[in-house]
Amino acid sequence: MDLLKIPYNKHELSNLWREVTERKPAQGVKELGHRRMKSYSTKTEGKSYLDQYEALRKKVEEFRDDRRKVLYLLRGFFFWLKNTPHEGAFQPWMDSLYLKSFG
């Protein structure tokens, strides 16, 4: 929730938007044996985070007219990405308490 206390920053929004919409080249993995793996480019375009997380995409579309709210959604999403291995990590864009705090 401390993320919401940080003032709106258009440069931060621009950077987070670039990250959430970026489609990096898809990677394949080839098993070489003896538990060794080799990754390679499939020469195809991968999915962006918005493609992978439909619920997040829908929330971003819902708040598209309010850049401040979109920034808060993206801050929450990237916080979640960095903390998913931790027990009790929640998806902020799906949490009604989080959404109400900036709604």
Protein backbone atom coordinates (compact mmCIF):
# COMPACT_ATOMS: atom_id res chain seq x y z
CA MET A 1 0.00 0.00 0.00
CA ASP A 2 3.01 2.26 0.40
CA LEU A 3 3.21 2.30 -3.41
CA LEU A 4 0.07 4.43 -3.46
CA LYS A 5 1.70 7.11 -1.35
CA ILE A 6 4.26 7.86 -4.07
CA PRO A 7 3.05 10.81 -6.18
CA TYR A 8 2.03 10.32 -9.80
CA ASN A 9 5.01 10.36 -12.16
CA LYS A 10 4.44 10.39 -15.93
CA HIS A 11 7.96 9.06 -16.63
CA GLU A 12 7.38 6.10 -14.31
CA LEU A 13 4.07 5.41 -16.06
CA SER A 14 5.79 5.55 -19.44
CA ASN A 15 8.49 3.10 -18.32
CA LEU A 16 6.05 0.67 -16.71
CA TRP A 17 3.74 0.87 -19.75
CA ARG A 18 6.67 0.00 -22.02
CA GLU A 19 7.50 -3.01 -19.83
CA VAL A 20 3.93 -4.29 -19.58
CA THR A 21 3.30 -4.05 -23.34
CA GLU A 22 6.70 -5.22 -24.60
CA ARG A 23 6.69 -8.42 -26.65
CA LYS A 24 10.10 -10.04 -26.34
CA PRO A 25 11.22 -12.78 -28.71
CA ALA A 26 9.95 -16.19 -27.61
CA GLN A 27 12.57 -18.63 -26.38
CA GLY A 28 12.63 -22.38 -26.75
CA VAL A 29 14.52 -24.86 -24.60
CA LYS A 30 16.27 -27.96 -25.83
CA GLU A 31 17.24 -30.75 -23.46
CA LEU A 32 20.82 -31.88 -24.06
CA GLY A 33 20.86 -34.72 -21.55
CA HIS A 34 22.39 -35.06 -18.11
CA ARG A 35 20.03 -32.28 -16.93
CA ARG A 36 21.61 -29.77 -19.29
CA MET A 37 19.38 -27.39 -21.19
CA LYS A 38 20.04 -24.97 -24.01
CA SER A 39 17.78 -22.06 -24.84
CA TYR A 40 17.33 -20.79 -28.37
CA SER A 41 15.35 -18.17 -30.20
CA THR A 42 12.21 -19.38 -31.94
CA LYS A 43 12.20 -16.22 -34.10
CA THR A 44 8.63 -15.56 -33.05
CA GLU A 45 7.20 -12.74 -30.97
CA GLY A 46 6.28 -13.61 -27.41
CA LYS A 47 3.34 -12.34 -25.42
CA SER A 48 3.36 -9.12 -23.43
CA TYR A 49 2.36 -9.12 -19.76
CA LEU A 50 -1.01 -7.67 -20.78
CA ASP A 51 -1.46 -10.62 -23.15
CA GLN A 52 -0.56 -13.09 -20.39
CA TYR A 53 -2.66 -11.57 -17.61
CA GLU A 54 -6.14 -10.96 -19.01
CA ALA A 55 -7.56 -9.73 -15.69
CA LEU A 56 -4.85 -7.05 -15.52
CA ARG A 57 -5.55 -6.02 -19.12
CA LYS A 58 -9.26 -5.65 -18.33
CA LYS A 59 -8.55 -3.48 -15.28
CA VAL A 60 -6.16 -1.29 -17.27
CA GLU A 61 -8.84 -0.88 -19.93
CA GLU A 62 -11.41 -0.05 -17.25
CA PHE A 63 -9.20 2.73 -15.86
CA ARG A 64 -7.71 3.87 -19.20
CA ASP A 65 -9.08 7.41 -18.80
CA ASP A 66 -7.29 7.92 -15.47
CA ARG A 67 -3.51 7.65 -15.87
CA ARG A 68 -2.98 7.85 -12.12
CA LYS A 69 -5.05 4.69 -11.58
CA VAL A 70 -3.29 2.90 -14.43
CA LEU A 71 0.05 3.78 -12.83
CA TYR A 72 -1.14 2.36 -9.49
CA LEU A 73 -2.26 -0.85 -11.22
CA LEU A 74 1.09 -1.22 -12.93
CA ARG A 75 3.01 -0.46 -9.74
CA GLY A 76 1.02 -3.17 -8.00
CA PHE A 77 1.55 -5.63 -10.86
CA PHE A 78 5.32 -5.23 -10.94
CA PHE A 79 5.46 -5.37 -7.14
CA TRP A 80 3.56 -8.66 -7.38
CA LEU A 81 5.92 -9.99 -10.08
CA LYS A 82 8.92 -9.37 -7.84
CA ASN A 83 7.23 -10.93 -4.80
CA THR A 84 5.28 -13.92 -6.18
CA PRO A 85 7.60 -16.47 -4.58
CA HIS A 86 6.73 -15.12 -1.14
CA GLU A 87 3.97 -16.81 0.79
CA GLY A 88 0.75 -14.80 0.81
CA ALA A 89 1.59 -12.72 -2.27
CA PHE A 90 -1.63 -11.37 -3.77
CA GLN A 91 -2.52 -10.04 -7.21
CA PRO A 92 -3.19 -6.34 -6.53
CA TRP A 93 -5.30 -5.85 -9.66
CA MET A 94 -7.67 -8.53 -8.34
CA ASP A 95 -7.77 -7.29 -4.73
CA SER A 96 -10.81 -5.16 -3.93
CA LEU A 97 -9.12 -3.47 -0.95
CA TYR A 98 -6.18 -2.39 -3.13
CA LEU A 99 -8.49 -1.16 -5.89
CA LYS A 100 -10.66 0.79 -3.44
CA SER A 101 -7.61 2.51 -1.95
CA PHE A 102 -7.11 4.56 -5.10
CA GLY A 103 -10.59 4.32 -6.58
